[in-house]
Structure formats: C-alpha cells, structure tokens
Amino acid sequence: MSDIMAISRHRMGTDGEGITTLVGFYGCLLDCKYCVNHNCHNSERIRADYTAEELIKVLAVDEPYYLMTGGGVTFGGGEPLLQAEFIHEVCQKMSKKWHRTIETSLYATWEQVKLLAKDIDYWFVDIKEINDEIYKSYTGKSNKNVFTNLHKLVNLVGVDKICVRLPLIPQYNTKEDRDKSVNYIRKKIAPNLTLDIFDYIRC
C-alpha cells in the first residue's frame, strides 16, 4: 500500500515532455526551509492508500494524453524514493508506453535508488547545493550520501537520463556558491550532465 499526498493530473511543461500526472508521496528526511510541499511532513495528514493496481487504474484514465504527447507519470513528494518498493511494483505493472519520471533529492539509501534504476526513464535530481555547510543549514542534513548516490546513478543509467537542478536559494547560497556547485558536478560527476540552473527556489 502507498501513502499518497496528492495526484495532480494534466500537467504540462513541468515534468519533461507531454502531459503528465504527478503522484506525490508523503514523507521526506530533509527539512528544506522553502519546501513547496511542506505538508509532506504532516503527521496528522489525510492519507490516500492505494494498491499498485488501484493507482494504475486511476492513472490509466489519462492514457490517451500520455500516448498522444509522449507524457506519462511523474513520482514526486516529499521524497518518492522512500516509497521505492511501491513505485517499483507500479512500474512493473503499468504500461511500458507511459513515460516514467521521478523528482528526487537522492537523499535515500543506494538500495532505494538502485531498485528504480531500470524503472525510471528520466530523473530530475534536486541537488540544491554542493557546499555541505550550506546544505545542512538549508535542509538540516549532510549532502554526502546525495553525491555518492548521484555518482553511482550516473554510472548506472548514463547522463542522458538525468537532469540536476541547482537553484539560487535566498539567504543561503550565492551565485558564486552555485557556480562552485556547477564546476564540481562538471569535474567530479560528469562533464556533460544536464543542469537546470535557476534564480528562484522551487525545491
């Protein structure tokens, strides 16, 4: 069973190509100060539990849109990797014609990341910041396992399936800090990895 926060249909321009449905999960180990889905931490939440089959039935309503536009399903949150086993089950049973995307901080175990490596077509990774002190100040956690996971993921699925998001976070990092994050990823992770660099916080 899942622990779903929301299902958002008919999304365009936010999860890659085509029309997509976002499945947002509760739960996240980070405490980002500008989190756009802070309700994912709400312990008194209204839960929406689905089996894999029940969720697929809901998603299948929009299959014509997925097939016509090259869209599909996006798993987000919260941190969807905390529900890796459920997502893996859904991906094994859902149509192979639906594009599968995930939005993640990669703050999870490598086992959770690896489990979904062959299920997910495209990964949006919200790295936020390379400087560990800034990352700790903003999220409450260290980013060391995040970069370990990113490096392993690049080696496993290739750069063509990953986009790393690097925001400017007001009161936490500067453009110079962000440039250092870009340089680190180019030199230490992969020189041709797709980077989404922006001047406002959305993660």
C-alpha atoms as a PDB file:
ATOM      1  CA  MET A   1       0.000   0.000   0.000  1.00  0.00           C
ATOM      2  CA  SER A   2       1.087   3.577  -0.693  1.00  0.00           C
ATOM      3  CA  ASP A   3       0.940   6.786   1.303  1.00  0.00           C
ATOM      4  CA  ILE A   4      -0.033   9.321  -1.359  1.00  0.00           C
ATOM      5  CA  MET A   5      -0.319  13.033  -0.655  1.00  0.00           C
ATOM      6  CA  ALA A   6      -1.877  14.071  -3.968  1.00  0.00           C
ATOM      7  CA  ILE A   7      -2.435  13.084  -7.582  1.00  0.00           C
ATOM      8  CA  SER A   8      -2.167  16.045  -9.953  1.00  0.00           C
ATOM      9  CA  ARG A   9      -3.408  15.460 -13.497  1.00  0.00           C
ATOM     10  CA  HIS A  10      -2.884  17.237 -16.833  1.00  0.00           C
ATOM     11  CA  ARG A  11       0.473  18.815 -16.017  1.00  0.00           C
ATOM     12  CA  MET A  12       2.419  20.376 -18.882  1.00  0.00           C
ATOM     13  CA  GLY A  13       5.930  21.820 -19.048  1.00  0.00           C
ATOM     14  CA  THR A  14       7.000  20.860 -15.529  1.00  0.00           C
ATOM     15  CA  ASP A  15       7.921  17.169 -15.749  1.00  0.00           C
ATOM     16  CA  GLY A  16       9.541  16.943 -19.133  1.00  0.00           C
ATOM     17  CA  GLU A  17       7.694  16.404 -22.402  1.00  0.00           C
ATOM     18  CA  GLY A  18       3.999  15.846 -22.830  1.00  0.00           C
ATOM     19  CA  ILE A  19       1.054  15.720 -20.475  1.00  0.00           C
ATOM     20  CA  THR A  20       1.859  14.070 -17.176  1.00  0.00           C
ATOM     21  CA  THR A  21       0.248  13.001 -13.923  1.00  0.00           C
ATOM     22  CA  LEU A  22       2.182  13.720 -10.738  1.00  0.00           C
ATOM     23  CA  VAL A  23       1.893  11.199  -7.908  1.00  0.00           C
ATOM     24  CA  GLY A  24       3.111  12.969  -4.765  1.00  0.00           C
ATOM     25  CA  PHE A  25       4.068  10.877  -1.741  1.00  0.00           C
ATOM     26  CA  TYR A  26       4.200  11.777   1.920  1.00  0.00           C
ATOM     27  CA  GLY A  27       7.492  11.591   3.780  1.00  0.00           C
ATOM     28  CA  CYS A  28      10.886  13.261   3.420  1.00  0.00           C
ATOM     29  CA  LEU A  29      14.028  13.104   5.547  1.00  0.00           C
ATOM     30  CA  LEU A  30      15.014  16.677   4.674  1.00  0.00           C
ATOM     31  CA  ASP A  31      13.603  19.842   6.221  1.00  0.00           C
ATOM     32  CA  CYS A  32      14.100  22.383   3.439  1.00  0.00           C
ATOM     33  CA  LYS A  33      13.235  25.893   4.578  1.00  0.00           C
ATOM     34  CA  TYR A  34      11.464  26.813   1.319  1.00  0.00           C
ATOM     35  CA  CYS A  35       9.889  23.409   0.684  1.00  0.00           C
ATOM     36  CA  VAL A  36       6.991  23.755  -1.749  1.00  0.00           C
ATOM     37  CA  ASN A  37       5.308  20.650  -0.316  1.00  0.00           C
ATOM     38  CA  HIS A  38       5.951  21.037   3.400  1.00  0.00           C
ATOM     39  CA  ASN A  39       2.693  19.225   4.068  1.00  0.00           C
ATOM     40  CA  CYS A  40       4.584  16.025   3.257  1.00  0.00           C
ATOM     41  CA  HIS A  41       5.856  16.142   6.864  1.00  0.00           C
ATOM     42  CA  ASN A  42       2.361  16.438   8.344  1.00  0.00           C
ATOM     43  CA  SER A  43       1.859  13.564  10.781  1.00  0.00           C
ATOM     44  CA  GLU A  44      -1.883  14.315  11.023  1.00  0.00           C
ATOM     45  CA  ARG A  45      -2.407  14.072   7.287  1.00  0.00           C
ATOM     46  CA  ILE A  46      -5.330  12.641   5.420  1.00  0.00           C
ATOM     47  CA  ARG A  47      -3.882   9.553   3.809  1.00  0.00           C
ATOM     48  CA  ALA A  48      -4.753   8.138   0.419  1.00  0.00           C
ATOM     49  CA  ASP A  49      -3.772   4.488   0.325  1.00  0.00           C
ATOM     50  CA  TYR A  50      -3.693   2.657  -2.992  1.00  0.00           C
ATOM     51  CA  THR A  51      -2.538  -0.732  -4.075  1.00  0.00           C
ATOM     52  CA  ALA A  52      -0.387  -0.710  -7.205  1.00  0.00           C
ATOM     53  CA  GLU A  53      -3.348  -1.930  -9.242  1.00  0.00           C
ATOM     54  CA  GLU A  54      -5.670   0.757  -7.838  1.00  0.00           C
ATOM     55  CA  LEU A  55      -3.182   3.536  -8.611  1.00  0.00           C
ATOM     56  CA  ILE A  56      -2.620   2.287 -12.158  1.00  0.00           C
ATOM     57  CA  LYS A  57      -6.374   2.293 -12.725  1.00  0.00           C
ATOM     58  CA  VAL A  58      -6.504   5.964 -11.695  1.00  0.00           C
ATOM     59  CA  LEU A  59      -3.531   6.854 -13.895  1.00  0.00           C
ATOM     60  CA  ALA A  60      -4.912   4.963 -16.896  1.00  0.00           C
ATOM     61  CA  VAL A  61      -7.778   7.440 -17.228  1.00  0.00           C
ATOM     62  CA  ASP A  62      -5.317   9.815 -18.916  1.00  0.00           C
ATOM     63  CA  GLU A  63      -3.541   7.229 -21.061  1.00  0.00           C
ATOM     64  CA  PRO A  64      -4.732   8.839 -24.344  1.00  0.00           C
ATOM     65  CA  TYR A  65      -2.984  12.071 -23.302  1.00  0.00           C
ATOM     66  CA  TYR A  66       0.221  10.231 -22.417  1.00  0.00           C
ATOM     67  CA  LEU A  67       0.330   8.395 -25.726  1.00  0.00           C
ATOM     68  CA  MET A  68      -0.551  11.434 -27.854  1.00  0.00           C
ATOM     69  CA  THR A  69       2.007  13.751 -26.239  1.00  0.00           C
ATOM     70  CA  GLY A  70       4.816  11.455 -25.095  1.00  0.00           C
ATOM     71  CA  GLY A  71       3.941  12.103 -21.473  1.00  0.00           C
ATOM     72  CA  GLY A  72       3.264   9.781 -18.592  1.00  0.00           C
ATOM     73  CA  VAL A  73       3.665   9.544 -14.845  1.00  0.00           C
ATOM     74  CA  THR A  74       5.916  11.516 -12.508  1.00  0.00           C
ATOM     75  CA  PHE A  75       6.688  10.331  -8.998  1.00  0.00           C
ATOM     76  CA  GLY A  76       7.367  13.161  -6.540  1.00  0.00           C
ATOM     77  CA  GLY A  77       6.730  14.189  -2.983  1.00  0.00           C
ATOM     78  CA  GLY A  78       8.037  14.541  -0.405  1.00  0.00           C
ATOM     79  CA  GLU A  79      10.772  12.110  -1.270  1.00  0.00           C
ATOM     80  CA  PRO A  80       9.423   9.373  -3.545  1.00  0.00           C
ATOM     81  CA  LEU A  81      12.473   7.152  -3.045  1.00  0.00           C
ATOM     82  CA  LEU A  82      11.187   6.407   0.451  1.00  0.00           C
ATOM     83  CA  GLN A  83       8.393   4.543  -1.372  1.00  0.00           C
ATOM     84  CA  ALA A  84      10.782   2.831  -3.793  1.00  0.00           C
ATOM     85  CA  GLU A  85       9.325  -0.660  -3.355  1.00  0.00           C
ATOM     86  CA  PHE A  86       5.796   0.535  -4.104  1.00  0.00           C
ATOM     87  CA  ILE A  87       6.926   2.595  -7.111  1.00  0.00           C
ATOM     88  CA  HIS A  88       8.870  -0.401  -8.408  1.00  0.00           C
ATOM     89  CA  GLU A  89       5.723  -2.530  -8.178  1.00  0.00           C
ATOM     90  CA  VAL A  90       3.693   0.126 -10.017  1.00  0.00           C
ATOM     91  CA  CYS A  91       6.297   0.431 -12.768  1.00  0.00           C
ATOM     92  CA  GLN A  92       6.426  -3.337 -13.235  1.00  0.00           C
ATOM     93  CA  LYS A  93       2.654  -3.460 -13.763  1.00  0.00           C
ATOM     94  CA  MET A  94       1.935  -0.215 -15.613  1.00  0.00           C
ATOM     95  CA  SER A  95       2.025   0.253 -19.389  1.00  0.00           C
ATOM     96  CA  LYS A  96       5.537   0.372 -20.822  1.00  0.00           C
ATOM     97  CA  LYS A  97       4.266   3.078 -23.185  1.00  0.00           C
ATOM     98  CA  TRP A  98       3.905   5.601 -20.360  1.00  0.00           C
ATOM     99  CA  HIS A  99       6.985   7.735 -19.757  1.00  0.00           C
ATOM    100  CA  ARG A 100       8.183   7.427 -16.141  1.00  0.00           C
ATOM    101  CA  THR A 101       9.839  10.377 -14.402  1.00  0.00           C
ATOM    102  CA  ILE A 102      10.940  10.923 -10.820  1.00  0.00           C
ATOM    103  CA  GLU A 103      11.667  14.141  -8.900  1.00  0.00           C
ATOM    104  CA  THR A 104      14.068  13.385  -6.061  1.00  0.00           C
ATOM    105  CA  SER A 105      16.738  14.855  -3.807  1.00  0.00           C
ATOM    106  CA  LEU A 106      18.538  11.457  -3.862  1.00  0.00           C
ATOM    107  CA  TYR A 107      18.581  11.691  -0.064  1.00  0.00           C
ATOM    108  CA  ALA A 108      17.884   7.986   0.377  1.00  0.00           C
ATOM    109  CA  THR A 109      19.749   4.710   0.529  1.00  0.00           C
ATOM    110  CA  TRP A 110      21.556   3.476  -2.555  1.00  0.00           C
ATOM    111  CA  GLU A 111      19.407   0.340  -2.412  1.00  0.00           C
ATOM    112  CA  GLN A 112      16.286   2.504  -2.871  1.00  0.00           C
ATOM    113  CA  VAL A 113      17.851   4.383  -5.793  1.00  0.00           C
ATOM    114  CA  LYS A 114      19.158   1.219  -7.448  1.00  0.00           C
ATOM    115  CA  LEU A 115      15.792  -0.532  -7.181  1.00  0.00           C
ATOM    116  CA  LEU A 116      14.247   2.065  -9.516  1.00  0.00           C
ATOM    117  CA  ALA A 117      17.182   2.496 -11.879  1.00  0.00           C
ATOM    118  CA  LYS A 118      15.655   0.357 -14.645  1.00  0.00           C
ATOM    119  CA  ASP A 119      12.080   1.506 -13.982  1.00  0.00           C
ATOM    120  CA  ILE A 120      12.565   5.263 -14.418  1.00  0.00           C
ATOM    121  CA  ASP A 121      13.049   6.873 -17.830  1.00  0.00           C
ATOM    122  CA  TYR A 122      14.188  10.257 -16.524  1.00  0.00           C
ATOM    123  CA  TRP A 123      15.467  11.582 -13.202  1.00  0.00           C
ATOM    124  CA  PHE A 124      15.078  15.195 -12.021  1.00  0.00           C
ATOM    125  CA  VAL A 125      17.547  15.494  -9.144  1.00  0.00           C
ATOM    126  CA  ASP A 126      17.262  18.473  -6.786  1.00  0.00           C
ATOM    127  CA  ILE A 127      20.846  18.727  -5.583  1.00  0.00           C
ATOM    128  CA  LYS A 128      20.299  22.219  -4.138  1.00  0.00           C
ATOM    129  CA  GLU A 129      23.914  22.934  -3.075  1.00  0.00           C
ATOM    130  CA  ILE A 130      27.363  21.312  -3.143  1.00  0.00           C
ATOM    131  CA  ASN A 131      28.662  23.132  -0.050  1.00  0.00           C
ATOM    132  CA  ASP A 132      27.839  20.769   2.803  1.00  0.00           C
ATOM    133  CA  GLU A 133      27.533  23.526   5.407  1.00  0.00           C
ATOM    134  CA  ILE A 134      25.040  25.444   3.260  1.00  0.00           C
ATOM    135  CA  TYR A 135      23.169  22.214   2.522  1.00  0.00           C
ATOM    136  CA  LYS A 136      22.981  21.396   6.244  1.00  0.00           C
ATOM    137  CA  SER A 137      21.787  24.906   7.042  1.00  0.00           C
ATOM    138  CA  TYR A 138      19.042  24.679   4.422  1.00  0.00           C
ATOM    139  CA  THR A 139      17.940  21.037   4.769  1.00  0.00           C
ATOM    140  CA  GLY A 140      19.104  20.003   8.236  1.00  0.00           C
ATOM    141  CA  LYS A 141      21.164  17.139   6.756  1.00  0.00           C
ATOM    142  CA  SER A 142      24.553  16.459   5.176  1.00  0.00           C
ATOM    143  CA  ASN A 143      24.708  16.013   1.402  1.00  0.00           C
ATOM    144  CA  LYS A 144      27.479  13.395   1.365  1.00  0.00           C
ATOM    145  CA  ASN A 145      25.297  10.417   0.511  1.00  0.00           C
ATOM    146  CA  VAL A 146      23.471  12.549  -2.097  1.00  0.00           C
ATOM    147  CA  PHE A 147      26.627  12.948  -4.173  1.00  0.00           C
ATOM    148  CA  THR A 148      27.578   9.325  -3.662  1.00  0.00           C
ATOM    149  CA  ASN A 149      24.152   8.326  -4.991  1.00  0.00           C
ATOM    150  CA  LEU A 150      24.401  10.763  -7.906  1.00  0.00           C
ATOM    151  CA  HIS A 151      27.788   9.437  -8.951  1.00  0.00           C
ATOM    152  CA  LYS A 152      26.559   5.837  -8.818  1.00  0.00           C
ATOM    153  CA  LEU A 153      23.350   6.710 -10.656  1.00  0.00           C
ATOM    154  CA  VAL A 154      25.245   8.416 -13.486  1.00  0.00           C
ATOM    155  CA  ASN A 155      27.427   5.330 -13.863  1.00  0.00           C
ATOM    156  CA  LEU A 156      24.391   3.053 -13.826  1.00  0.00           C
ATOM    157  CA  VAL A 157      21.895   4.806 -16.136  1.00  0.00           C
ATOM    158  CA  GLY A 158      24.025   7.364 -18.004  1.00  0.00           C
ATOM    159  CA  VAL A 159      23.886  11.145 -18.255  1.00  0.00           C
ATOM    160  CA  ASP A 160      21.077  11.167 -20.823  1.00  0.00           C
ATOM    161  CA  LYS A 161      18.532  10.121 -18.198  1.00  0.00           C
ATOM    162  CA  ILE A 162      19.388  12.709 -15.533  1.00  0.00           C
ATOM    163  CA  CYS A 163      18.844  16.442 -15.046  1.00  0.00           C
ATOM    164  CA  VAL A 164      20.359  18.072 -11.958  1.00  0.00           C
ATOM    165  CA  ARG A 165      18.584  21.143 -10.583  1.00  0.00           C
ATOM    166  CA  LEU A 166      20.713  23.856  -8.972  1.00  0.00           C
ATOM    167  CA  PRO A 167      18.731  26.775  -7.523  1.00  0.00           C
ATOM    168  CA  LEU A 168      19.758  30.085  -6.071  1.00  0.00           C
ATOM    169  CA  ILE A 169      18.418  29.858  -2.502  1.00  0.00           C
ATOM    170  CA  PRO A 170      17.789  33.293  -0.938  1.00  0.00           C
ATOM    171  CA  GLN A 171      19.645  33.823   2.354  1.00  0.00           C
ATOM    172  CA  TYR A 172      21.501  30.516   1.963  1.00  0.00           C
ATOM    173  CA  ASN A 173      23.715  30.486  -1.123  1.00  0.00           C
ATOM    174  CA  THR A 174      25.024  32.962  -3.679  1.00  0.00           C
ATOM    175  CA  LYS A 175      25.604  32.828  -7.417  1.00  0.00           C
ATOM    176  CA  GLU A 176      29.277  32.196  -6.634  1.00  0.00           C
ATOM    177  CA  ASP A 177      28.277  29.208  -4.476  1.00  0.00           C
ATOM    178  CA  ARG A 178      26.097  27.908  -7.256  1.00  0.00           C
ATOM    179  CA  ASP A 179      28.920  28.300  -9.776  1.00  0.00           C
ATOM    180  CA  LYS A 180      31.060  26.159  -7.490  1.00  0.00           C
ATOM    181  CA  SER A 181      28.321  23.523  -7.470  1.00  0.00           C
ATOM    182  CA  VAL A 182      28.244  23.569 -11.276  1.00  0.00           C
ATOM    183  CA  ASN A 183      32.032  23.234 -11.506  1.00  0.00           C
ATOM    184  CA  TYR A 184      32.085  20.384  -9.004  1.00  0.00           C
ATOM    185  CA  ILE A 185      29.463  18.408 -10.900  1.00  0.00           C
ATOM    186  CA  ARG A 186      31.188  19.045 -14.240  1.00  0.00           C
ATOM    187  CA  LYS A 187      34.582  17.947 -12.915  1.00  0.00           C
ATOM    188  CA  LYS A 188      33.746  15.251 -10.375  1.00  0.00           C
ATOM    189  CA  ILE A 189      30.497  13.693 -11.628  1.00  0.00           C
ATOM    190  CA  ALA A 190      30.120  14.123 -15.408  1.00  0.00           C
ATOM    191  CA  PRO A 191      31.119  16.992 -17.733  1.00  0.00           C
ATOM    192  CA  ASN A 192      28.052  16.652 -19.968  1.00  0.00           C
ATOM    193  CA  LEU A 193      25.378  16.074 -17.338  1.00  0.00           C
ATOM    194  CA  THR A 194      22.284  18.219 -17.978  1.00  0.00           C
ATOM    195  CA  LEU A 195      21.980  21.029 -15.407  1.00  0.00           C
ATOM    196  CA  ASP A 196      18.916  23.156 -14.722  1.00  0.00           C
ATOM    197  CA  ILE A 197      20.244  26.392 -13.215  1.00  0.00           C
ATOM    198  CA  PHE A 198      17.729  28.916 -11.982  1.00  0.00           C
ATOM    199  CA  ASP A 199      17.482  32.050  -9.838  1.00  0.00           C
ATOM    200  CA  TYR A 200      14.488  31.162  -7.723  1.00  0.00           C
ATOM    201  CA  ILE A 201      13.789  28.359  -5.296  1.00  0.00           C
ATOM    202  CA  ARG A 202      11.329  25.650  -6.340  1.00  0.00           C
ATOM    203  CA  CYS A 203      12.660  22.665  -4.441  1.00  0.00           C
END
